PDB file of all heavy atoms in Angstrom:
ATOM      1  N   LEU A   1      -2.183  -5.014   8.518  1.00  0.00           N
ATOM      2  CA  LEU A   1      -3.263  -4.851   9.495  1.00  0.00           C
ATOM      3  C   LEU A   1      -3.476  -3.368   9.810  1.00  0.00           C
ATOM      4  O   LEU A   1      -4.607  -2.916   9.993  1.00  0.00           O
ATOM      5  CB  LEU A   1      -2.944  -5.630  10.768  1.00  0.00           C
ATOM      6  CG  LEU A   1      -2.998  -7.157  10.637  1.00  0.00           C
ATOM      7  CD1 LEU A   1      -2.527  -7.832  11.934  1.00  0.00           C
ATOM      8  CD2 LEU A   1      -4.409  -7.622  10.281  1.00  0.00           C
ATOM      9  N   ALA A   2      -2.384  -2.611   9.862  1.00  0.00           N
ATOM     10  CA  ALA A   2      -2.507  -1.175  10.116  1.00  0.00           C
ATOM     11  C   ALA A   2      -3.181  -0.473   8.944  1.00  0.00           C
ATOM     12  O   ALA A   2      -3.967   0.468   9.134  1.00  0.00           O
ATOM     13  CB  ALA A   2      -1.125  -0.573  10.369  1.00  0.00           C
ATOM     14  N   GLN A   3      -2.894  -0.923   7.725  1.00  0.00           N
ATOM     15  CA  GLN A   3      -3.446  -0.271   6.537  1.00  0.00           C
ATOM     16  C   GLN A   3      -4.867  -0.701   6.227  1.00  0.00           C
ATOM     17  O   GLN A   3      -5.716   0.134   5.891  1.00  0.00           O
ATOM     18  CB  GLN A   3      -2.554  -0.568   5.328  1.00  0.00           C
ATOM     19  CG  GLN A   3      -3.010   0.116   4.036  1.00  0.00           C
ATOM     20  CD  GLN A   3      -2.028  -0.076   2.904  1.00  0.00           C
ATOM     21  OE1 GLN A   3      -0.963  -0.666   3.064  1.00  0.00           O
ATOM     22  NE2 GLN A   3      -2.353   0.444   1.724  1.00  0.00           N
ATOM     23  N   PHE A   4      -5.134  -2.005   6.344  1.00  0.00           N
ATOM     24  CA  PHE A   4      -6.431  -2.530   5.923  1.00  0.00           C
ATOM     25  C   PHE A   4      -7.318  -3.018   7.072  1.00  0.00           C
ATOM     26  O   PHE A   4      -8.512  -3.251   6.884  1.00  0.00           O
ATOM     27  CB  PHE A   4      -6.245  -3.677   4.930  1.00  0.00           C
ATOM     28  CG  PHE A   4      -5.556  -3.271   3.658  1.00  0.00           C
ATOM     29  CD1 PHE A   4      -4.342  -3.831   3.296  1.00  0.00           C
ATOM     30  CD2 PHE A   4      -6.122  -2.328   2.809  1.00  0.00           C
ATOM     31  CE1 PHE A   4      -3.698  -3.470   2.123  1.00  0.00           C
ATOM     32  CE2 PHE A   4      -5.494  -1.955   1.629  1.00  0.00           C
ATOM     33  CZ  PHE A   4      -4.276  -2.528   1.287  1.00  0.00           C
ATOM     34  N   GLY A   5      -6.719  -3.241   8.227  1.00  0.00           N
ATOM     35  CA  GLY A   5      -7.504  -3.677   9.379  1.00  0.00           C
ATOM     36  C   GLY A   5      -7.744  -5.165   9.462  1.00  0.00           C
ATOM     37  O   GLY A   5      -8.231  -5.661  10.476  1.00  0.00           O
ATOM     38  N   ARG A   6      -7.368  -5.903   8.431  1.00  0.00           N
ATOM     39  CA  ARG A   6      -7.608  -7.345   8.431  1.00  0.00           C
ATOM     40  C   ARG A   6      -6.816  -8.006   7.312  1.00  0.00           C
ATOM     41  O   ARG A   6      -6.338  -7.341   6.391  1.00  0.00           O
ATOM     42  CB  ARG A   6      -9.099  -7.645   8.265  1.00  0.00           C
ATOM     43  CG  ARG A   6      -9.692  -7.125   6.964  1.00  0.00           C
ATOM     44  CD  ARG A   6     -11.207  -7.311   6.907  1.00  0.00           C
ATOM     45  NE  ARG A   6     -11.587  -8.701   6.983  1.00  0.00           N
ATOM     46  CZ  ARG A   6     -12.189  -9.247   8.049  1.00  0.00           C
ATOM     47  NH1 ARG A   6     -12.453  -8.508   9.109  1.00  0.00           N
ATOM     48  NH2 ARG A   6     -12.518 -10.521   8.049  1.00  0.00           N
ATOM     49  N   ILE A   7      -6.691  -9.319   7.400  1.00  0.00           N
ATOM     50  CA  ILE A   7      -6.148 -10.150   6.323  1.00  0.00           C
ATOM     51  C   ILE A   7      -7.099 -11.333   6.187  1.00  0.00           C
ATOM     52  O   ILE A   7      -7.409 -12.005   7.170  1.00  0.00           O
ATOM     53  CB  ILE A   7      -4.719 -10.645   6.633  1.00  0.00           C
ATOM     54  CG1 ILE A   7      -3.754  -9.454   6.749  1.00  0.00           C
ATOM     55  CG2 ILE A   7      -4.234 -11.610   5.544  1.00  0.00           C
ATOM     56  CD1 ILE A   7      -2.370  -9.839   7.260  1.00  0.00           C
ATOM     57  N   ASP A   8      -7.589 -11.566   4.993  1.00  0.00           N
ATOM     58  CA  ASP A   8      -8.614 -12.592   4.791  1.00  0.00           C
ATOM     59  C   ASP A   8      -8.114 -13.845   4.095  1.00  0.00           C
ATOM     60  O   ASP A   8      -8.750 -14.899   4.193  1.00  0.00           O
ATOM     61  CB  ASP A   8      -9.771 -12.010   3.974  1.00  0.00           C
ATOM     62  CG  ASP A   8     -10.404 -10.814   4.658  1.00  0.00           C
ATOM     63  OD1 ASP A   8     -11.149 -11.029   5.635  1.00  0.00           O
ATOM     64  OD2 ASP A   8     -10.140  -9.676   4.231  1.00  0.00           O
ATOM     65  N   ALA A   9      -7.024 -13.736   3.366  1.00  0.00           N
ATOM     66  CA  ALA A   9      -6.554 -14.895   2.601  1.00  0.00           C
ATOM     67  C   ALA A   9      -5.043 -14.844   2.425  1.00  0.00           C
ATOM     68  O   ALA A   9      -4.446 -13.775   2.357  1.00  0.00           O
ATOM     69  CB  ALA A   9      -7.237 -14.942   1.231  1.00  0.00           C
ATOM     70  N   LEU A  10      -4.466 -16.026   2.382  1.00  0.00           N
ATOM     71  CA  LEU A  10      -3.035 -16.192   2.117  1.00  0.00           C
ATOM     72  C   LEU A  10      -2.874 -17.254   1.042  1.00  0.00           C
ATOM     73  O   LEU A  10      -3.401 -18.365   1.173  1.00  0.00           O
ATOM     74  CB  LEU A  10      -2.306 -16.637   3.388  1.00  0.00           C
ATOM     75  CG  LEU A  10      -0.875 -17.167   3.203  1.00  0.00           C
ATOM     76  CD1 LEU A  10       0.059 -16.053   2.748  1.00  0.00           C
ATOM     77  CD2 LEU A  10      -0.367 -17.805   4.508  1.00  0.00           C
ATOM     78  N   VAL A  11      -2.167 -16.909  -0.018  1.00  0.00           N
ATOM     79  CA  VAL A  11      -1.822 -17.889  -1.054  1.00  0.00           C
ATOM     80  C   VAL A  11      -0.310 -18.045  -1.049  1.00  0.00           C
ATOM     81  O   VAL A  11       0.425 -17.083  -1.290  1.00  0.00           O
ATOM     82  CB  VAL A  11      -2.303 -17.454  -2.447  1.00  0.00           C
ATOM     83  CG1 VAL A  11      -1.900 -18.499  -3.494  1.00  0.00           C
ATOM     84  CG2 VAL A  11      -3.820 -17.259  -2.458  1.00  0.00           C
ATOM     85  N   ASN A  12       0.153 -19.245  -0.772  1.00  0.00           N
ATOM     86  CA  ASN A  12       1.585 -19.524  -0.693  1.00  0.00           C
ATOM     87  C   ASN A  12       2.096 -20.039  -2.035  1.00  0.00           C
ATOM     88  O   ASN A  12       2.151 -21.240  -2.284  1.00  0.00           O
ATOM     89  CB  ASN A  12       1.864 -20.546   0.413  1.00  0.00           C
ATOM     90  CG  ASN A  12       1.818 -19.924   1.785  1.00  0.00           C
ATOM     91  OD1 ASN A  12       2.488 -18.937   2.056  1.00  0.00           O
ATOM     92  ND2 ASN A  12       1.010 -20.501   2.664  1.00  0.00           N
ATOM     93  N   ALA A  13       2.473 -19.092  -2.904  1.00  0.00           N
ATOM     94  CA  ALA A  13       2.963 -19.464  -4.230  1.00  0.00           C
ATOM     95  C   ALA A  13       4.478 -19.458  -4.327  1.00  0.00           C
ATOM     96  O   ALA A  13       5.037 -19.784  -5.386  1.00  0.00           O
ATOM     97  CB  ALA A  13       2.374 -18.533  -5.292  1.00  0.00           C
ATOM     98  N   ALA A  14       5.172 -19.074  -3.249  1.00  0.00           N
ATOM     99  CA  ALA A  14       6.639 -19.105  -3.277  1.00  0.00           C
ATOM    100  C   ALA A  14       7.121 -20.548  -3.239  1.00  0.00           C
ATOM    101  O   ALA A  14       6.584 -21.380  -2.506  1.00  0.00           O
ATOM    102  CB  ALA A  14       7.198 -18.329  -2.087  1.00  0.00           C
ATOM    103  N   GLY A  15       8.127 -20.840  -4.013  1.00  0.00           N
ATOM    104  CA  GLY A  15       8.664 -22.206  -4.043  1.00  0.00           C
ATOM    105  C   GLY A  15       9.387 -22.451  -5.346  1.00  0.00           C
ATOM    106  O   GLY A  15       9.671 -21.525  -6.103  1.00  0.00           O
ATOM    107  N   GLY A  16       9.687 -23.709  -5.605  1.00  0.00           N
ATOM    108  CA  GLY A  16      10.366 -24.060  -6.843  1.00  0.00           C
ATOM    109  C   GLY A  16      11.559 -24.966  -6.602  1.00  0.00           C
ATOM    110  O   GLY A  16      11.840 -25.368  -5.471  1.00  0.00           O
ATOM    111  N   ASN A  17      12.232 -25.263  -7.672  1.00  0.00           N
ATOM    112  CA  ASN A  17      13.394 -26.147  -7.602  1.00  0.00           C
ATOM    113  C   ASN A  17      14.660 -25.349  -7.907  1.00  0.00           C
ATOM    114  O   ASN A  17      14.593 -24.192  -8.339  1.00  0.00           O
ATOM    115  CB  ASN A  17      13.240 -27.291  -8.596  1.00  0.00           C
ATOM    116  CG  ASN A  17      14.098 -28.482  -8.239  1.00  0.00           C
ATOM    117  OD1 ASN A  17      14.505 -28.654  -7.091  1.00  0.00           O
ATOM    118  ND2 ASN A  17      14.386 -29.331  -9.213  1.00  0.00           N
ATOM    119  N   LEU A  18      15.811 -25.939  -7.669  1.00  0.00           N
ATOM    120  CA  LEU A  18      17.098 -25.318  -7.962  1.00  0.00           C
ATOM    121  C   LEU A  18      17.882 -26.216  -8.907  1.00  0.00           C
ATOM    122  O   LEU A  18      17.863 -27.451  -8.737  1.00  0.00           O
ATOM    123  CB  LEU A  18      17.891 -25.103  -6.670  1.00  0.00           C
ATOM    124  CG  LEU A  18      17.260 -24.192  -5.617  1.00  0.00           C
ATOM    125  CD1 LEU A  18      18.102 -24.209  -4.335  1.00  0.00           C
ATOM    126  CD2 LEU A  18      17.127 -22.781  -6.151  1.00  0.00           C
ATOM    127  N   PRO A  19      18.578 -25.658  -9.886  1.00  0.00           N
ATOM    128  CA  PRO A  19      19.337 -26.489 -10.831  1.00  0.00           C
ATOM    129  C   PRO A  19      20.305 -27.448 -10.144  1.00  0.00           C
ATOM    130  O   PRO A  19      20.461 -28.598 -10.573  1.00  0.00           O
ATOM    131  CB  PRO A  19      20.085 -25.448 -11.680  1.00  0.00           C
ATOM    132  CG  PRO A  19      19.226 -24.228 -11.614  1.00  0.00           C
ATOM    133  CD  PRO A  19      18.645 -24.225 -10.226  1.00  0.00           C
ATOM    134  N   ALA A  20      20.932 -27.003  -9.060  1.00  0.00           N
ATOM    135  CA  ALA A  20      21.914 -27.853  -8.379  1.00  0.00           C
ATOM    136  C   ALA A  20      21.274 -29.057  -7.708  1.00  0.00           C
ATOM    137  O   ALA A  20      21.970 -30.040  -7.387  1.00  0.00           O
ATOM    138  CB  ALA A  20      22.689 -27.034  -7.345  1.00  0.00           C
ATOM    139  N   ALA A  21      19.943 -29.001  -7.472  1.00  0.00           N
ATOM    140  CA  ALA A  21      19.249 -30.095  -6.798  1.00  0.00           C
ATOM    141  C   ALA A  21      18.650 -31.105  -7.772  1.00  0.00           C
ATOM    142  O   ALA A  21      17.996 -32.069  -7.352  1.00  0.00           O
ATOM    143  CB  ALA A  21      18.153 -29.536  -5.891  1.00  0.00           C
ATOM    144  N   VAL A  22      18.867 -30.886  -9.055  1.00  0.00           N
ATOM    145  CA  VAL A  22      18.360 -31.805 -10.084  1.00  0.00           C
ATOM    146  C   VAL A  22      19.417 -32.862 -10.378  1.00  0.00           C
ATOM    147  O   VAL A  22      20.600 -32.536 -10.565  1.00  0.00           O
ATOM    148  CB  VAL A  22      18.012 -31.037 -11.375  1.00  0.00           C
ATOM    149  CG1 VAL A  22      17.549 -32.003 -12.465  1.00  0.00           C
ATOM    150  CG2 VAL A  22      16.945 -29.987 -11.099  1.00  0.00           C
ATOM    151  N   VAL A  23      19.023 -34.123 -10.400  1.00  0.00           N
ATOM    152  CA  VAL A  23      19.963 -35.193 -10.761  1.00  0.00           C
ATOM    153  C   VAL A  23      20.471 -34.916 -12.180  1.00  0.00           C
ATOM    154  O   VAL A  23      19.671 -34.735 -13.102  1.00  0.00           O
ATOM    155  CB  VAL A  23      19.282 -36.573 -10.699  1.00  0.00           C
ATOM    156  CG1 VAL A  23      20.236 -37.658 -11.201  1.00  0.00           C
ATOM    157  CG2 VAL A  23      18.831 -36.885  -9.281  1.00  0.00           C
ATOM    158  N   PRO A  24      21.782 -34.857 -12.376  1.00  0.00           N
ATOM    159  CA  PRO A  24      22.324 -34.520 -13.703  1.00  0.00           C
ATOM    160  C   PRO A  24      21.855 -35.501 -14.766  1.00  0.00           C
ATOM    161  O   PRO A  24      21.655 -36.691 -14.503  1.00  0.00           O
ATOM    162  CB  PRO A  24      23.842 -34.621 -13.498  1.00  0.00           C
ATOM    163  CG  PRO A  24      24.047 -34.507 -12.023  1.00  0.00           C
ATOM    164  CD  PRO A  24      22.836 -35.114 -11.383  1.00  0.00           C
ATOM    165  N   ASP A  25      21.661 -34.996 -15.961  1.00  0.00           N
ATOM    166  CA  ASP A  25      21.277 -35.848 -17.077  1.00  0.00           C
ATOM    167  C   ASP A  25      22.369 -36.899 -17.283  1.00  0.00           C
ATOM    168  O   ASP A  25      23.531 -36.564 -17.525  1.00  0.00           O
ATOM    169  CB  ASP A  25      21.113 -34.995 -18.336  1.00  0.00           C
ATOM    170  CG  ASP A  25      20.454 -35.765 -19.464  1.00  0.00           C
ATOM    171  OD1 ASP A  25      19.881 -36.834 -19.202  1.00  0.00           O
ATOM    172  OD2 ASP A  25      20.509 -35.280 -20.615  1.00  0.00           O
ATOM    173  N   GLY A  26      22.011 -38.152 -17.140  1.00  0.00           N
ATOM    174  CA  GLY A  26      22.980 -39.227 -17.262  1.00  0.00           C
ATOM    175  C   GLY A  26      23.741 -39.504 -15.981  1.00  0.00           C
ATOM    176  O   GLY A  26      24.567 -40.411 -15.922  1.00  0.00           O
ATOM    177  N   GLY A  27      23.458 -38.692 -14.915  1.00  0.00           N
ATOM    178  CA  GLY A  27      24.140 -38.867 -13.636  1.00  0.00           C
ATOM    179  C   GLY A  27      23.298 -39.632 -12.641  1.00  0.00           C
ATOM    180  O   GLY A  27      22.312 -40.291 -12.999  1.00  0.00           O
ATOM    181  N   THR A  28      23.664 -39.540 -11.362  1.00  0.00           N
ATOM    182  CA  THR A  28      22.953 -40.271 -10.319  1.00  0.00           C
ATOM    183  C   THR A  28      22.589 -39.357  -9.153  1.00  0.00           C
ATOM    184  O   THR A  28      23.161 -38.265  -8.993  1.00  0.00           O
ATOM    185  CB  THR A  28      23.804 -41.424  -9.756  1.00  0.00           C
ATOM    186  OG1 THR A  28      24.886 -40.873  -8.981  1.00  0.00           O
ATOM    187  CG2 THR A  28      24.354 -42.299 -10.873  1.00  0.00           C
ATOM    188  N   PHE A  29      21.677 -39.811  -8.353  1.00  0.00           N
ATOM    189  CA  PHE A  29      21.230 -39.107  -7.150  1.00  0.00           C
ATOM    190  C   PHE A  29      22.398 -38.821  -6.211  1.00  0.00           C
ATOM    191  O   PHE A  29      22.432 -37.792  -5.530  1.00  0.00           O
ATOM    192  CB  PHE A  29      20.172 -39.968  -6.459  1.00  0.00           C
ATOM    193  CG  PHE A  29      19.841 -39.560  -5.058  1.00  0.00           C
ATOM    194  CD1 PHE A  29      19.138 -38.406  -4.797  1.00  0.00           C
ATOM    195  CD2 PHE A  29      20.252 -40.353  -3.984  1.00  0.00           C
ATOM    196  CE1 PHE A  29      18.825 -38.028  -3.488  1.00  0.00           C
ATOM    197  CE2 PHE A  29      19.946 -39.990  -2.680  1.00  0.00           C
ATOM    198  CZ  PHE A  29      19.223 -38.816  -2.439  1.00  0.00           C
ATOM    199  N   PHE A  30      23.380 -39.707  -6.191  1.00  0.00           N
ATOM    200  CA  PHE A  30      24.498 -39.603  -5.249  1.00  0.00           C
ATOM    201  C   PHE A  30      25.417 -38.420  -5.552  1.00  0.00           C
ATOM    202  O   PHE A  30      26.240 -38.043  -4.726  1.00  0.00           O
ATOM    203  CB  PHE A  30      25.289 -40.908  -5.239  1.00  0.00           C
ATOM    204  CG  PHE A  30      24.399 -42.109  -5.031  1.00  0.00           C
ATOM    205  CD1 PHE A  30      24.148 -42.989  -6.071  1.00  0.00           C
ATOM    206  CD2 PHE A  30      23.779 -42.323  -3.801  1.00  0.00           C
ATOM    207  CE1 PHE A  30      23.304 -44.076  -5.889  1.00  0.00           C
ATOM    208  CE2 PHE A  30      22.941 -43.411  -3.622  1.00  0.00           C
ATOM    209  CZ  PHE A  30      22.684 -44.282  -4.659  1.00  0.00           C
ATOM    210  N   GLU A  31      25.267 -37.851  -6.711  1.00  0.00           N
ATOM    211  CA  GLU A  31      26.085 -36.695  -7.094  1.00  0.00           C
ATOM    212  C   GLU A  31      25.476 -35.363  -6.656  1.00  0.00           C
ATOM    213  O   GLU A  31      26.141 -34.329  -6.723  1.00  0.00           O
ATOM    214  CB  GLU A  31      26.252 -36.666  -8.617  1.00  0.00           C
ATOM    215  CG  GLU A  31      26.905 -37.895  -9.218  1.00  0.00           C
ATOM    216  CD  GLU A  31      26.811 -37.875 -10.725  1.00  0.00           C
ATOM    217  OE1 GLU A  31      27.102 -36.819 -11.331  1.00  0.00           O
ATOM    218  OE2 GLU A  31      26.429 -38.906 -11.321  1.00  0.00           O
ATOM    219  N   VAL A  32      24.211 -35.370  -6.227  1.00  0.00           N
ATOM    220  CA  VAL A  32      23.527 -34.108  -5.907  1.00  0.00           C
ATOM    221  C   VAL A  32      24.045 -33.563  -4.578  1.00  0.00           C
ATOM    222  O   VAL A  32      24.042 -34.277  -3.565  1.00  0.00           O
ATOM    223  CB  VAL A  32      22.001 -34.320  -5.835  1.00  0.00           C
ATOM    224  CG1 VAL A  32      21.302 -33.000  -5.527  1.00  0.00           C
ATOM    225  CG2 VAL A  32      21.494 -34.910  -7.149  1.00  0.00           C
ATOM    226  N   PRO A  33      24.481 -32.322  -4.521  1.00  0.00           N
ATOM    227  CA  PRO A  33      25.017 -31.758  -3.277  1.00  0.00           C
ATOM    228  C   PRO A  33      23.957 -31.719  -2.181  1.00  0.00           C
ATOM    229  O   PRO A  33      22.841 -31.243  -2.408  1.00  0.00           O
ATOM    230  CB  PRO A  33      25.421 -30.332  -3.683  1.00  0.00           C
ATOM    231  CG  PRO A  33      25.566 -30.375  -5.163  1.00  0.00           C
ATOM    232  CD  PRO A  33      24.571 -31.374  -5.648  1.00  0.00           C
ATOM    233  N   PRO A  34      24.276 -32.198  -0.985  1.00  0.00           N
ATOM    234  CA  PRO A  34      23.301 -32.176   0.109  1.00  0.00           C
ATOM    235  C   PRO A  34      22.748 -30.783   0.405  1.00  0.00           C
ATOM    236  O   PRO A  34      21.562 -30.635   0.722  1.00  0.00           O
ATOM    237  CB  PRO A  34      24.106 -32.721   1.298  1.00  0.00           C
ATOM    238  CG  PRO A  34      25.132 -33.604   0.666  1.00  0.00           C
ATOM    239  CD  PRO A  34      25.498 -32.916  -0.606  1.00  0.00           C
ATOM    240  N   GLN A  35      23.586 -29.751   0.282  1.00  0.00           N
ATOM    241  CA  GLN A  35      23.098 -28.401   0.577  1.00  0.00           C
ATOM    242  C   GLN A  35      22.022 -27.973  -0.409  1.00  0.00           C
ATOM    243  O   GLN A  35      21.054 -27.286  -0.035  1.00  0.00           O
ATOM    244  CB  GLN A  35      24.249 -27.387   0.556  1.00  0.00           C
ATOM    245  CG  GLN A  35      23.840 -26.004   1.052  1.00  0.00           C
ATOM    246  CD  GLN A  35      23.291 -26.045   2.462  1.00  0.00           C
ATOM    247  OE1 GLN A  35      23.907 -26.575   3.371  1.00  0.00           O
ATOM    248  NE2 GLN A  35      22.088 -25.481   2.649  1.00  0.00           N
ATOM    249  N   ALA A  36      22.151 -28.380  -1.660  1.00  0.00           N
ATOM    250  CA  ALA A  36      21.131 -28.052  -2.653  1.00  0.00           C
ATOM    251  C   ALA A  36      19.805 -28.713  -2.300  1.00  0.00           C
ATOM    252  O   ALA A  36      18.730 -28.109  -2.430  1.00  0.00           O
ATOM    253  CB  ALA A  36      21.588 -28.481  -4.045  1.00  0.00           C
ATOM    254  N   LEU A  37      19.870 -29.962  -1.817  1.00  0.00           N
ATOM    255  CA  LEU A  37      18.660 -30.660  -1.398  1.00  0.00           C
ATOM    256  C   LEU A  37      18.015 -29.941  -0.207  1.00  0.00           C
ATOM    257  O   LEU A  37      16.794 -29.760  -0.158  1.00  0.00           O
ATOM    258  CB  LEU A  37      18.988 -32.102  -1.020  1.00  0.00           C
ATOM    259  CG  LEU A  37      19.597 -32.970  -2.134  1.00  0.00           C
ATOM    260  CD1 LEU A  37      19.997 -34.326  -1.585  1.00  0.00           C
ATOM    261  CD2 LEU A  37      18.623 -33.126  -3.290  1.00  0.00           C
ATOM    262  N   ARG A  38      18.854 -29.530   0.750  1.00  0.00           N
ATOM    263  CA  ARG A  38      18.337 -28.797   1.918  1.00  0.00           C
ATOM    264  C   ARG A  38      17.672 -27.488   1.489  1.00  0.00           C
ATOM    265  O   ARG A  38      16.613 -27.117   2.002  1.00  0.00           O
ATOM    266  CB  ARG A  38      19.467 -28.504   2.901  1.00  0.00           C
ATOM    267  CG  ARG A  38      20.049 -29.708   3.610  1.00  0.00           C
ATOM    268  CD  ARG A  38      20.994 -29.279   4.719  1.00  0.00           C
ATOM    269  NE  ARG A  38      21.683 -30.422   5.302  1.00  0.00           N
ATOM    270  CZ  ARG A  38      22.902 -30.825   4.946  1.00  0.00           C
ATOM    271  NH1 ARG A  38      23.576 -30.143   4.029  1.00  0.00           N
ATOM    272  NH2 ARG A  38      23.448 -31.876   5.516  1.00  0.00           N
ATOM    273  N   ASP A  39      18.300 -26.788   0.559  1.00  0.00           N
ATOM    274  CA  ASP A  39      17.767 -25.498   0.125  1.00  0.00           C
ATOM    275  C   ASP A  39      16.387 -25.652  -0.514  1.00  0.00           C
ATOM    276  O   ASP A  39      15.493 -24.820  -0.296  1.00  0.00           O
ATOM    277  CB  ASP A  39      18.729 -24.842  -0.871  1.00  0.00           C
ATOM    278  CG  ASP A  39      20.012 -24.356  -0.214  1.00  0.00           C
ATOM    279  OD1 ASP A  39      20.035 -24.244   1.033  1.00  0.00           O
ATOM    280  OD2 ASP A  39      20.993 -24.112  -0.949  1.00  0.00           O
ATOM    281  N   VAL A  40      16.197 -26.698  -1.295  1.00  0.00           N
ATOM    282  CA  VAL A  40      14.907 -26.918  -1.951  1.00  0.00           C
ATOM    283  C   VAL A  40      13.828 -27.269  -0.927  1.00  0.00           C
ATOM    284  O   VAL A  40      12.698 -26.766  -0.991  1.00  0.00           O
ATOM    285  CB  VAL A  40      15.023 -28.015  -3.030  1.00  0.00           C
ATOM    286  CG1 VAL A  40      13.638 -28.426  -3.533  1.00  0.00           C
ATOM    287  CG2 VAL A  40      15.870 -27.518  -4.181  1.00  0.00           C
TER     288      VAL A  40
END
C-alpha cells in the first residue's frame, strides 16, 4: 500500500499436499499420521 497505494487482486495459489498425508500404496487411512493431516 505504501509503494503502490492500492491492492486490486489476490490470487491464493499457495497450497498442496504432503507425502506423509497420502495413504500408503497398499496401506490404509488408519496409518496416516494425524499431524500430517492437520498440516495439509
